[in-house]
Amino acid sequence: MHESAQGPRATPASGRSTPTPRPVPGPRPAAPPRPGRPGPARPTPPAQRTPREAAPATPASGAGTGSGAAAPAPATPQIQLIPATAEGALDAAEEAVDLLLDTGRAPGDILVVTTGDRHPWATHELSFGEVSYWAQHDSRDDVFHAAAADAGRAATRPVVVVAVNGGSDDAAAGALPLALSRAGALLIVCGDPQRINSVLGVGV
């Protein structure tokens, strides 16, 4: 008698049946590379990370489920301040982005703005031309880095991280309110607390 042959299954009188194990979803994809520093071209596939919490403001579809109003859900995004010197602001912003990704934020949810020198990633990508640079912004596949002067062209994202890494007071005064208007849920500012509070006009 072959071992593979199966006889008729008897159903117990109690009516209990052995639960069939359900298939487990496939393995989670590895964390996509983040545009931290200049280097070879990054892979194109979009990030598959699923945010742990849904972003309150998603510009993907304007249709609301309840009333016809399409106003953004949060009136004012939450503001967090990470104290840092001008020299350390960029590193602090990088650490904040790493933490956001580690806690489940999708890379495409995050915009990084610098008030002084451009982020090395932005400098590297702009060497291929502005069309290619802004195409990556529009694809929303990854974290996007922009200088304060270019932030006005950036679209709203759930999280905006600002590195006050230099620049004039006027540059910071213009960049911070603009970044606040681009943040759908959370604004993280890395820099001198006194300077930031005086510009934003709030205690954070």
N, C-alpha and C. Protein backbone atom coordinates (compact mmCIF):
# COMPACT_ATOMS: atom_id res chain seq x y z
N MET A 1 0.85 -1.19 0.00
CA MET A 1 0.00 0.00 0.00
C MET A 1 0.88 1.24 0.00
N HIS A 2 0.57 2.14 -0.92
CA HIS A 2 1.38 3.34 -1.02
C HIS A 2 1.04 4.31 0.10
N GLU A 3 2.08 4.97 0.61
CA GLU A 3 1.82 5.90 1.72
C GLU A 3 1.08 7.13 1.27
N SER A 4 1.16 7.43 -0.06
CA SER A 4 0.50 8.65 -0.52
C SER A 4 -1.00 8.49 -0.64
N ALA A 5 -1.46 7.25 -0.67
CA ALA A 5 -2.91 7.03 -0.81
C ALA A 5 -3.60 7.47 0.46
N GLN A 6 -4.68 8.14 0.30
CA GLN A 6 -5.43 8.61 1.47
C GLN A 6 -6.83 7.98 1.44
N GLY A 7 -7.20 7.49 2.56
CA GLY A 7 -8.55 6.93 2.66
C GLY A 7 -9.55 8.00 2.96
N PRO A 8 -10.79 7.67 3.00
CA PRO A 8 -11.82 8.67 3.32
C PRO A 8 -11.63 9.21 4.72
N ARG A 9 -11.79 10.50 4.86
CA ARG A 9 -11.64 11.11 6.18
C ARG A 9 -12.92 10.94 6.97
N ALA A 10 -12.74 10.51 8.17
CA ALA A 10 -13.93 10.37 9.02
C ALA A 10 -14.13 11.66 9.76
N THR A 11 -15.34 12.11 9.76
CA THR A 11 -15.64 13.35 10.48
C THR A 11 -16.05 13.01 11.90
N PRO A 12 -15.33 13.57 12.89
CA PRO A 12 -15.70 13.25 14.27
C PRO A 12 -17.12 13.67 14.57
N ALA A 13 -17.72 12.93 15.48
CA ALA A 13 -19.13 13.21 15.82
C ALA A 13 -19.27 14.57 16.47
N SER A 14 -18.23 15.02 17.13
CA SER A 14 -18.35 16.30 17.82
C SER A 14 -18.46 17.46 16.85
N GLY A 15 -18.14 17.21 15.58
CA GLY A 15 -18.27 18.28 14.58
C GLY A 15 -17.04 19.15 14.48
N ARG A 16 -16.01 18.87 15.35
CA ARG A 16 -14.81 19.68 15.26
C ARG A 16 -13.95 19.19 14.12
N SER A 17 -13.41 20.08 13.33
CA SER A 17 -12.50 19.69 12.26
C SER A 17 -11.17 20.39 12.49
N THR A 18 -10.13 19.74 12.08
CA THR A 18 -8.81 20.32 12.27
C THR A 18 -8.67 21.55 11.39
N PRO A 19 -8.35 22.71 11.99
CA PRO A 19 -8.24 23.92 11.15
C PRO A 19 -7.10 23.81 10.16
N THR A 20 -7.39 24.21 8.94
CA THR A 20 -6.35 24.18 7.91
C THR A 20 -5.50 25.43 8.05
N PRO A 21 -4.18 25.29 8.15
CA PRO A 21 -3.36 26.51 8.28
C PRO A 21 -3.49 27.40 7.06
N ARG A 22 -3.67 28.67 7.31
CA ARG A 22 -3.82 29.63 6.22
C ARG A 22 -2.45 30.03 5.70
N PRO A 23 -2.34 30.30 4.40
CA PRO A 23 -1.03 30.68 3.88
C PRO A 23 -0.55 31.99 4.50
N VAL A 24 0.71 32.05 4.79
CA VAL A 24 1.30 33.24 5.38
C VAL A 24 1.77 34.14 4.25
N PRO A 25 1.53 35.45 4.36
CA PRO A 25 2.00 36.34 3.30
C PRO A 25 3.50 36.21 3.11
N GLY A 26 3.95 36.55 1.94
CA GLY A 26 5.37 36.41 1.60
C GLY A 26 6.24 37.29 2.48
N PRO A 27 7.53 37.11 2.39
CA PRO A 27 8.44 37.87 3.24
C PRO A 27 8.39 39.35 2.93
N ARG A 28 8.53 40.16 4.00
CA ARG A 28 8.53 41.60 3.78
C ARG A 28 9.76 42.01 3.01
N PRO A 29 9.61 42.93 2.07
CA PRO A 29 10.79 43.35 1.31
C PRO A 29 11.78 44.07 2.21
N ALA A 30 13.02 44.02 1.84
CA ALA A 30 14.05 44.71 2.61
C ALA A 30 13.82 46.21 2.51
N ALA A 31 14.30 46.91 3.55
CA ALA A 31 14.12 48.36 3.57
C ALA A 31 14.79 48.99 2.37
N PRO A 32 14.07 49.84 1.63
CA PRO A 32 14.66 50.45 0.44
C PRO A 32 15.79 51.39 0.81
N PRO A 33 16.78 51.53 -0.04
CA PRO A 33 17.88 52.44 0.27
C PRO A 33 17.40 53.86 0.33
N ARG A 34 17.87 54.61 1.30
CA ARG A 34 17.48 55.99 1.47
C ARG A 34 18.54 56.88 0.86
N PRO A 35 18.11 58.00 0.28
CA PRO A 35 19.10 58.87 -0.38
C PRO A 35 19.95 59.62 0.62
N GLY A 36 20.74 58.93 1.41
CA GLY A 36 21.53 59.58 2.45
C GLY A 36 22.72 60.32 1.89
N ARG A 37 23.49 59.69 1.05
CA ARG A 37 24.69 60.32 0.53
C ARG A 37 24.83 60.02 -0.93
N PRO A 38 25.58 60.85 -1.65
CA PRO A 38 25.72 60.63 -3.09
C PRO A 38 26.42 59.31 -3.38
N GLY A 39 26.05 58.70 -4.47
CA GLY A 39 26.64 57.43 -4.83
C GLY A 39 26.04 56.97 -6.14
N PRO A 40 26.17 55.71 -6.46
CA PRO A 40 25.59 55.20 -7.71
C PRO A 40 24.08 55.29 -7.70
N ALA A 41 23.50 55.19 -8.87
CA ALA A 41 22.05 55.34 -9.00
C ALA A 41 21.33 54.32 -8.16
N ARG A 42 20.25 54.77 -7.51
CA ARG A 42 19.51 53.89 -6.63
C ARG A 42 18.51 53.08 -7.42
N PRO A 43 18.09 51.92 -6.90
CA PRO A 43 17.09 51.12 -7.62
C PRO A 43 15.79 51.89 -7.75
N THR A 44 15.12 51.67 -8.86
CA THR A 44 13.89 52.43 -9.12
C THR A 44 12.63 51.93 -8.43
N PRO A 45 12.49 50.62 -8.10
CA PRO A 45 11.21 50.15 -7.59
C PRO A 45 10.75 50.93 -6.38
N PRO A 46 9.46 51.25 -6.31
CA PRO A 46 8.97 52.03 -5.18
C PRO A 46 9.06 51.24 -3.88
N ALA A 47 9.13 51.99 -2.80
CA ALA A 47 9.24 51.35 -1.49
C ALA A 47 7.95 50.63 -1.15
N GLN A 48 8.09 49.46 -0.54
CA GLN A 48 6.92 48.67 -0.19
C GLN A 48 6.59 48.76 1.29
N ARG A 49 7.29 49.65 2.02
CA ARG A 49 7.04 49.72 3.44
C ARG A 49 5.65 50.30 3.68
N THR A 50 4.94 49.76 4.60
CA THR A 50 3.60 50.24 4.91
C THR A 50 3.66 51.08 6.17
N PRO A 51 3.26 52.33 6.11
CA PRO A 51 3.29 53.15 7.32
C PRO A 51 2.44 52.54 8.41
N ARG A 52 2.93 52.63 9.64
CA ARG A 52 2.19 52.07 10.76
C ARG A 52 0.91 52.85 11.01
N GLU A 53 0.97 54.13 10.74
CA GLU A 53 -0.23 54.94 10.91
C GLU A 53 -0.53 55.65 9.61
N ALA A 54 -1.79 55.72 9.26
CA ALA A 54 -2.15 56.33 7.98
C ALA A 54 -1.90 57.82 8.06
N ALA A 55 -1.40 58.35 6.99
CA ALA A 55 -1.13 59.78 6.96
C ALA A 55 -2.44 60.54 6.88
N PRO A 56 -2.59 61.57 7.74
CA PRO A 56 -3.86 62.30 7.76
C PRO A 56 -4.14 63.01 6.44
N ALA A 57 -3.12 63.55 5.82
CA ALA A 57 -3.35 64.29 4.58
C ALA A 57 -2.69 63.55 3.44
N THR A 58 -3.50 62.92 2.59
CA THR A 58 -2.94 62.21 1.45
C THR A 58 -3.46 62.87 0.18
N PRO A 59 -2.56 63.46 -0.60
CA PRO A 59 -3.02 64.16 -1.79
C PRO A 59 -3.32 63.25 -2.96
N ALA A 60 -3.26 61.91 -2.75
CA ALA A 60 -3.42 60.99 -3.87
C ALA A 60 -4.79 61.11 -4.51
N SER A 61 -5.86 61.06 -3.73
CA SER A 61 -7.19 61.16 -4.33
C SER A 61 -7.98 62.20 -3.58
N GLY A 62 -8.59 63.09 -4.31
CA GLY A 62 -9.30 64.19 -3.67
C GLY A 62 -10.70 63.85 -3.24
N ALA A 63 -11.17 62.64 -3.56
CA ALA A 63 -12.55 62.32 -3.24
C ALA A 63 -12.67 61.98 -1.77
N GLY A 64 -13.54 62.66 -1.07
CA GLY A 64 -13.78 62.36 0.34
C GLY A 64 -14.90 61.36 0.48
N THR A 65 -14.84 60.60 1.57
CA THR A 65 -15.86 59.58 1.75
C THR A 65 -17.10 60.15 2.42
N GLY A 66 -16.93 61.14 3.27
CA GLY A 66 -18.10 61.68 3.96
C GLY A 66 -18.71 62.82 3.18
N SER A 67 -18.45 64.05 3.68
CA SER A 67 -19.02 65.20 3.00
C SER A 67 -18.21 65.52 1.76
N GLY A 68 -18.69 66.43 0.96
CA GLY A 68 -18.01 66.78 -0.27
C GLY A 68 -16.79 67.66 -0.06
N ALA A 69 -16.58 68.17 1.18
CA ALA A 69 -15.45 69.05 1.42
C ALA A 69 -14.15 68.29 1.32
N ALA A 70 -13.16 68.86 0.63
CA ALA A 70 -11.87 68.20 0.46
C ALA A 70 -10.78 68.94 1.22
N ALA A 71 -11.11 69.51 2.37
CA ALA A 71 -10.12 70.24 3.15
C ALA A 71 -9.20 69.27 3.87
N PRO A 72 -7.93 69.67 4.10
CA PRO A 72 -7.01 68.78 4.82
C PRO A 72 -7.52 68.48 6.21
N ALA A 73 -7.29 67.26 6.67
CA ALA A 73 -7.80 66.84 7.98
C ALA A 73 -7.19 67.63 9.12
N PRO A 74 -5.83 67.68 9.25
CA PRO A 74 -5.30 68.39 10.40
C PRO A 74 -5.20 69.88 10.12
N ALA A 75 -5.63 70.71 11.08
CA ALA A 75 -5.55 72.15 10.90
C ALA A 75 -4.10 72.60 11.02
N THR A 76 -3.39 72.10 12.04
CA THR A 76 -2.00 72.47 12.25
C THR A 76 -1.20 71.22 12.51
N PRO A 77 -0.11 71.01 11.78
CA PRO A 77 0.70 69.82 12.04
C PRO A 77 1.40 69.90 13.39
N GLN A 78 1.72 68.77 13.92
CA GLN A 78 2.48 68.72 15.16
C GLN A 78 3.91 69.20 14.87
N ILE A 79 4.50 69.93 15.81
CA ILE A 79 5.86 70.44 15.63
C ILE A 79 6.77 69.84 16.68
N GLN A 80 7.89 69.30 16.23
CA GLN A 80 8.91 68.77 17.14
C GLN A 80 10.22 69.48 16.87
N LEU A 81 10.94 69.77 17.95
CA LEU A 81 12.22 70.46 17.83
C LEU A 81 13.34 69.55 18.32
N ILE A 82 14.38 69.43 17.51
CA ILE A 82 15.58 68.69 17.91
C ILE A 82 16.70 69.71 18.01
N PRO A 83 17.13 70.04 19.24
CA PRO A 83 18.20 71.04 19.38
C PRO A 83 19.48 70.58 18.69
N ALA A 84 20.09 71.47 17.93
CA ALA A 84 21.33 71.15 17.21
C ALA A 84 22.00 72.44 16.80
N THR A 85 23.31 72.38 16.67
CA THR A 85 24.05 73.52 16.13
C THR A 85 23.85 73.55 14.63
N ALA A 86 24.26 74.64 14.01
CA ALA A 86 24.16 74.73 12.55
C ALA A 86 25.00 73.64 11.90
N GLU A 87 26.17 73.33 12.52
CA GLU A 87 27.04 72.30 11.96
C GLU A 87 26.46 70.89 12.14
N GLY A 88 25.68 70.69 13.20
CA GLY A 88 25.14 69.36 13.48
C GLY A 88 23.70 69.17 13.05
N ALA A 89 23.09 70.21 12.47
CA ALA A 89 21.66 70.13 12.13
C ALA A 89 21.38 69.08 11.07
N LEU A 90 22.27 68.96 10.08
CA LEU A 90 22.04 68.00 9.01
C LEU A 90 22.12 66.57 9.53
N ASP A 91 23.10 66.30 10.41
CA ASP A 91 23.20 64.96 11.00
C ASP A 91 21.97 64.65 11.85
N ALA A 92 21.49 65.66 12.59
CA ALA A 92 20.30 65.46 13.42
C ALA A 92 19.09 65.16 12.55
N ALA A 93 19.00 65.84 11.40
CA ALA A 93 17.89 65.58 10.48
C ALA A 93 17.97 64.17 9.91
N GLU A 94 19.20 63.72 9.60
CA GLU A 94 19.39 62.36 9.09
C GLU A 94 18.94 61.33 10.12
N GLU A 95 19.28 61.57 11.38
CA GLU A 95 18.88 60.64 12.44
C GLU A 95 17.36 60.63 12.59
N ALA A 96 16.74 61.80 12.46
CA ALA A 96 15.28 61.88 12.56
C ALA A 96 14.62 61.09 11.43
N VAL A 97 15.17 61.19 10.22
CA VAL A 97 14.63 60.45 9.08
C VAL A 97 14.80 58.95 9.30
N ASP A 98 15.98 58.54 9.79
CA ASP A 98 16.20 57.11 10.07
C ASP A 98 15.17 56.59 11.07
N LEU A 99 14.90 57.37 12.10
CA LEU A 99 13.94 56.95 13.12
C LEU A 99 12.53 56.85 12.52
N LEU A 100 12.17 57.80 11.67
CA LEU A 100 10.85 57.75 11.03
C LEU A 100 10.71 56.49 10.18
N LEU A 101 11.74 56.16 9.42
CA LEU A 101 11.70 54.96 8.58
C LEU A 101 11.65 53.69 9.43
N ASP A 102 12.42 53.69 10.53
CA ASP A 102 12.44 52.51 11.40
C ASP A 102 11.11 52.28 12.09
N THR A 103 10.35 53.34 12.31
CA THR A 103 9.05 53.20 12.98
C THR A 103 7.90 53.04 11.99
N GLY A 104 8.22 52.85 10.71
CA GLY A 104 7.18 52.48 9.76
C GLY A 104 6.75 53.52 8.76
N ARG A 105 7.34 54.72 8.82
CA ARG A 105 7.00 55.73 7.82
C ARG A 105 7.50 55.32 6.44
N ALA A 106 6.71 55.52 5.43
CA ALA A 106 7.15 55.24 4.06
C ALA A 106 8.12 56.35 3.63
N PRO A 107 9.18 56.00 2.90
CA PRO A 107 10.13 57.03 2.46
C PRO A 107 9.47 58.17 1.70
N GLY A 108 8.46 57.85 0.89
CA GLY A 108 7.79 58.89 0.11
C GLY A 108 6.97 59.85 0.93
N ASP A 109 6.82 59.57 2.24
CA ASP A 109 6.08 60.47 3.14
C ASP A 109 6.93 61.65 3.61
N ILE A 110 8.23 61.61 3.35
CA ILE A 110 9.16 62.52 4.03
C ILE A 110 9.82 63.49 3.05
N LEU A 111 9.80 64.77 3.43
CA LEU A 111 10.51 65.82 2.72
C LEU A 111 11.53 66.43 3.68
N VAL A 112 12.78 66.58 3.24
CA VAL A 112 13.83 67.20 4.05
C VAL A 112 14.21 68.53 3.41
N VAL A 113 14.22 69.59 4.21
CA VAL A 113 14.56 70.93 3.72
C VAL A 113 15.79 71.43 4.47
N THR A 114 16.74 71.99 3.74
CA THR A 114 17.93 72.57 4.36
C THR A 114 17.94 74.08 4.14
N THR A 115 18.32 74.83 5.19
CA THR A 115 18.35 76.29 5.07
C THR A 115 19.72 76.80 4.63
N GLY A 116 20.76 75.99 4.81
CA GLY A 116 22.11 76.39 4.40
C GLY A 116 22.52 75.63 3.16
N ASP A 117 23.66 74.92 3.26
CA ASP A 117 24.13 74.13 2.12
C ASP A 117 23.12 73.04 1.78
N ARG A 118 23.06 72.70 0.50
CA ARG A 118 22.18 71.62 0.07
C ARG A 118 22.62 70.30 0.70
N HIS A 119 21.66 69.40 0.87
CA HIS A 119 22.00 68.04 1.28
C HIS A 119 22.85 67.40 0.17
N PRO A 120 23.85 66.58 0.53
CA PRO A 120 24.69 65.96 -0.51
C PRO A 120 23.90 65.19 -1.55
N TRP A 121 22.79 64.57 -1.14
CA TRP A 121 21.97 63.84 -2.12
C TRP A 121 21.40 64.80 -3.16
N ALA A 122 20.90 65.95 -2.70
CA ALA A 122 20.31 66.92 -3.63
C ALA A 122 21.37 67.44 -4.60
N THR A 123 22.57 67.72 -4.07
CA THR A 123 23.66 68.19 -4.93
C THR A 123 24.00 67.15 -5.99
N HIS A 124 24.05 65.90 -5.56
CA HIS A 124 24.39 64.82 -6.49
C HIS A 124 23.31 64.66 -7.57
N GLU A 125 22.06 64.63 -7.16
CA GLU A 125 20.97 64.42 -8.11
C GLU A 125 20.82 65.60 -9.07
N LEU A 126 21.06 66.81 -8.59
CA LEU A 126 20.96 67.98 -9.46
C LEU A 126 22.06 68.01 -10.52
N SER A 127 23.14 67.24 -10.29
CA SER A 127 24.19 67.18 -11.30
C SER A 127 23.70 66.49 -12.58
N PHE A 128 22.57 65.75 -12.47
CA PHE A 128 21.99 65.11 -13.65
C PHE A 128 20.91 65.99 -14.30
N GLY A 129 20.66 67.16 -13.72
CA GLY A 129 19.68 68.08 -14.28
C GLY A 129 18.44 68.19 -13.42
N GLU A 130 17.79 69.35 -13.53
CA GLU A 130 16.62 69.61 -12.71
C GLU A 130 15.43 68.73 -13.08
N VAL A 131 15.32 68.38 -14.36
CA VAL A 131 14.18 67.56 -14.79
C VAL A 131 14.20 66.21 -14.08
N SER A 132 15.37 65.57 -14.07
CA SER A 132 15.52 64.28 -13.39
C SER A 132 15.31 64.43 -11.90
N TYR A 133 15.83 65.52 -11.33
CA TYR A 133 15.71 65.77 -9.89
C TYR A 133 14.25 65.90 -9.46
N TRP A 134 13.48 66.73 -10.16
CA TRP A 134 12.09 66.94 -9.78
C TRP A 134 11.20 65.76 -10.17
N ALA A 135 11.64 64.97 -11.14
CA ALA A 135 10.88 63.76 -11.47
C ALA A 135 10.88 62.80 -10.28
N GLN A 136 11.99 62.77 -9.55
CA GLN A 136 12.04 61.91 -8.36
C GLN A 136 11.12 62.45 -7.27
N HIS A 137 11.01 63.77 -7.20
CA HIS A 137 10.05 64.37 -6.25
C HIS A 137 8.63 63.95 -6.60
N ASP A 138 8.29 64.03 -7.89
CA ASP A 138 6.92 63.75 -8.32
C ASP A 138 6.57 62.27 -8.17
N SER A 139 7.57 61.39 -8.29
CA SER A 139 7.28 59.95 -8.18
C SER A 139 6.96 59.53 -6.75
N ARG A 140 7.42 60.31 -5.76
CA ARG A 140 7.15 60.04 -4.33
C ARG A 140 7.57 58.63 -3.93
N ASP A 141 8.66 58.13 -4.53
CA ASP A 141 9.15 56.80 -4.19
C ASP A 141 10.13 56.81 -3.03
N ASP A 142 10.67 57.98 -2.72
CA ASP A 142 11.74 58.02 -1.72
C ASP A 142 11.72 59.34 -0.97
N VAL A 143 12.56 59.41 0.06
CA VAL A 143 12.76 60.67 0.77
C VAL A 143 13.28 61.69 -0.24
N PHE A 144 12.76 62.91 -0.17
CA PHE A 144 13.21 63.95 -1.11
C PHE A 144 13.85 65.07 -0.32
N HIS A 145 15.00 65.56 -0.82
CA HIS A 145 15.74 66.63 -0.17
C HIS A 145 15.70 67.88 -1.04
N ALA A 146 15.38 69.00 -0.43
CA ALA A 146 15.30 70.26 -1.18
C ALA A 146 15.93 71.38 -0.37
N ALA A 147 16.55 72.32 -1.06
CA ALA A 147 17.04 73.53 -0.40
C ALA A 147 15.86 74.44 -0.08
N ALA A 148 16.06 75.33 0.87
CA ALA A 148 14.98 76.23 1.26
C ALA A 148 14.47 77.04 0.07
N ALA A 149 15.38 77.40 -0.82
CA ALA A 149 14.98 78.20 -1.98
C ALA A 149 14.07 77.42 -2.92
N ASP A 150 14.14 76.08 -2.88
CA ASP A 150 13.33 75.25 -3.77
C ASP A 150 12.11 74.66 -3.08
N ALA A 151 12.00 74.86 -1.77
CA ALA A 151 10.93 74.20 -1.01
C ALA A 151 9.55 74.64 -1.46
N GLY A 152 9.44 75.85 -1.99
CA GLY A 152 8.14 76.32 -2.44
C GLY A 152 7.58 75.50 -3.58
N ARG A 153 8.47 74.84 -4.31
CA ARG A 153 8.03 74.01 -5.43
C ARG A 153 7.64 72.59 -4.97
N ALA A 154 8.03 72.23 -3.77
CA ALA A 154 7.75 70.89 -3.26
C ALA A 154 6.29 70.76 -2.86
N ALA A 155 5.74 69.57 -3.07
CA ALA A 155 4.36 69.30 -2.70
C ALA A 155 4.27 68.95 -1.22
N THR A 156 3.07 68.99 -0.68
CA THR A 156 2.84 68.62 0.71
C THR A 156 3.15 67.14 0.93
N ARG A 157 3.83 66.85 2.02
CA ARG A 157 4.07 65.47 2.43
C ARG A 157 3.69 65.35 3.89
N PRO A 158 3.34 64.14 4.35
CA PRO A 158 2.92 64.00 5.75
C PRO A 158 3.95 64.51 6.75
N VAL A 159 5.25 64.29 6.46
CA VAL A 159 6.29 64.70 7.40
C VAL A 159 7.31 65.57 6.66
N VAL A 160 7.63 66.71 7.26
CA VAL A 160 8.70 67.57 6.74
C VAL A 160 9.75 67.73 7.84
N VAL A 161 11.01 67.49 7.47
CA VAL A 161 12.13 67.65 8.40
C VAL A 161 12.98 68.81 7.90
N VAL A 162 13.21 69.80 8.77
CA VAL A 162 14.01 70.97 8.39
C VAL A 162 15.33 70.93 9.14
N ALA A 163 16.42 71.05 8.41
CA ALA A 163 17.75 71.19 9.01
C ALA A 163 18.16 72.65 8.90
N VAL A 164 18.20 73.36 10.03
CA VAL A 164 18.64 74.75 10.03
C VAL A 164 20.16 74.71 10.10
N ASN A 165 20.77 74.41 8.96
CA ASN A 165 22.22 74.17 8.88
C ASN A 165 22.99 75.36 8.34
N GLY A 166 22.50 76.54 8.65
CA GLY A 166 23.16 77.76 8.18
C GLY A 166 22.20 78.62 7.41
N GLY A 167 22.77 79.51 6.62
CA GLY A 167 21.92 80.45 5.89
C GLY A 167 21.62 81.66 6.75
N SER A 168 21.10 82.67 6.13
CA SER A 168 20.78 83.90 6.84
C SER A 168 19.51 83.73 7.68
N ASP A 169 19.29 84.69 8.58
CA ASP A 169 18.06 84.67 9.36
C ASP A 169 16.84 84.80 8.45
N ASP A 170 17.00 85.56 7.37
CA ASP A 170 15.89 85.70 6.42
C ASP A 170 15.57 84.37 5.75
N ALA A 171 16.63 83.58 5.45
CA ALA A 171 16.40 82.27 4.83
C ALA A 171 15.64 81.35 5.76
N ALA A 172 16.03 81.35 7.03
CA ALA A 172 15.33 80.52 8.01
C ALA A 172 13.91 81.03 8.23
N ALA A 173 13.78 82.37 8.27
CA ALA A 173 12.46 82.95 8.49
C ALA A 173 11.50 82.61 7.36
N GLY A 174 12.03 82.45 6.15
CA GLY A 174 11.17 82.07 5.04
C GLY A 174 10.96 80.57 4.96
N ALA A 175 12.00 79.79 5.31
CA ALA A 175 11.92 78.34 5.14
C ALA A 175 11.01 77.67 6.17
N LEU A 176 11.04 78.14 7.40
CA LEU A 176 10.28 77.44 8.44
C LEU A 176 8.77 77.56 8.26
N PRO A 177 8.21 78.76 8.03
CA PRO A 177 6.77 78.82 7.76
C PRO A 177 6.37 78.05 6.51
N LEU A 178 7.23 78.08 5.49
CA LEU A 178 6.94 77.35 4.26
C LEU A 178 6.93 75.85 4.53
N ALA A 179 7.91 75.38 5.30
CA ALA A 179 7.96 73.96 5.65
C ALA A 179 6.73 73.57 6.46
N LEU A 180 6.30 74.46 7.34
CA LEU A 180 5.10 74.19 8.14
C LEU A 180 3.88 74.03 7.24
N SER A 181 3.81 74.83 6.18
CA SER A 181 2.67 74.74 5.27
C SER A 181 2.74 73.49 4.40
N ARG A 182 3.93 72.90 4.26
CA ARG A 182 4.08 71.69 3.45
C ARG A 182 3.92 70.42 4.27
N ALA A 183 3.89 70.53 5.60
CA ALA A 183 3.80 69.36 6.47
C ALA A 183 2.34 68.99 6.70
N GLY A 184 1.97 67.78 6.29
CA GLY A 184 0.59 67.35 6.48
C GLY A 184 0.27 66.97 7.90
N ALA A 185 1.23 66.33 8.59
CA ALA A 185 0.95 65.84 9.95
C ALA A 185 2.02 66.24 10.95
N LEU A 186 3.28 66.30 10.51
CA LEU A 186 4.38 66.49 11.46
C LEU A 186 5.48 67.34 10.84
N LEU A 187 5.96 68.33 11.60
CA LEU A 187 7.12 69.13 11.21
C LEU A 187 8.19 68.93 12.26
N ILE A 188 9.36 68.47 11.83
CA ILE A 188 10.51 68.29 12.72
C ILE A 188 11.56 69.30 12.32
N VAL A 189 12.00 70.12 13.28
CA VAL A 189 12.99 71.15 13.00
C VAL A 189 14.24 70.87 13.82
N CYS A 190 15.38 70.79 13.14
CA CYS A 190 16.66 70.54 13.78
C CYS A 190 17.49 71.82 13.72
N GLY A 191 17.78 72.40 14.88
CA GLY A 191 18.53 73.64 14.88
C GLY A 191 18.52 74.29 16.25
N ASP A 192 18.86 75.57 16.27
CA ASP A 192 18.92 76.32 17.52
C ASP A 192 17.51 76.65 18.00
N PRO A 193 17.13 76.18 19.20
CA PRO A 193 15.74 76.35 19.66
C PRO A 193 15.30 77.81 19.73
N GLN A 194 16.18 78.69 20.22
CA GLN A 194 15.79 80.09 20.36
C GLN A 194 15.49 80.71 19.00
N ARG A 195 16.34 80.40 18.05
CA ARG A 195 16.14 80.95 16.70
C ARG A 195 14.86 80.40 16.08
N ILE A 196 14.64 79.12 16.27
CA ILE A 196 13.46 78.48 15.66
C ILE A 196 12.17 79.02 16.26
N ASN A 197 12.14 79.13 17.59
CA ASN A 197 10.94 79.64 18.26
C ASN A 197 10.63 81.07 17.86
N SER A 198 11.67 81.88 17.69
CA SER A 198 11.42 83.27 17.31
C SER A 198 10.88 83.39 15.89
N VAL A 199 11.32 82.45 15.03
CA VAL A 199 10.86 82.50 13.64
C VAL A 199 9.44 81.97 13.53
N LEU A 200 9.18 80.81 14.17
CA LEU A 200 7.85 80.20 14.06
C LEU A 200 6.82 80.91 14.94
N GLY A 201 7.30 81.63 15.97
CA GLY A 201 6.38 82.33 16.84
C GLY A 201 5.64 81.41 17.78
N VAL A 202 6.19 80.22 17.99
CA VAL A 202 5.57 79.26 18.92
C VAL A 202 6.66 78.64 19.76
N GLY A 203 6.30 78.14 20.93
CA GLY A 203 7.25 77.43 21.76
C GLY A 203 7.23 75.95 21.46
N VAL A 204 8.30 75.43 20.90
CA VAL A 204 8.36 74.00 20.58
C VAL A 204 9.58 73.39 21.26
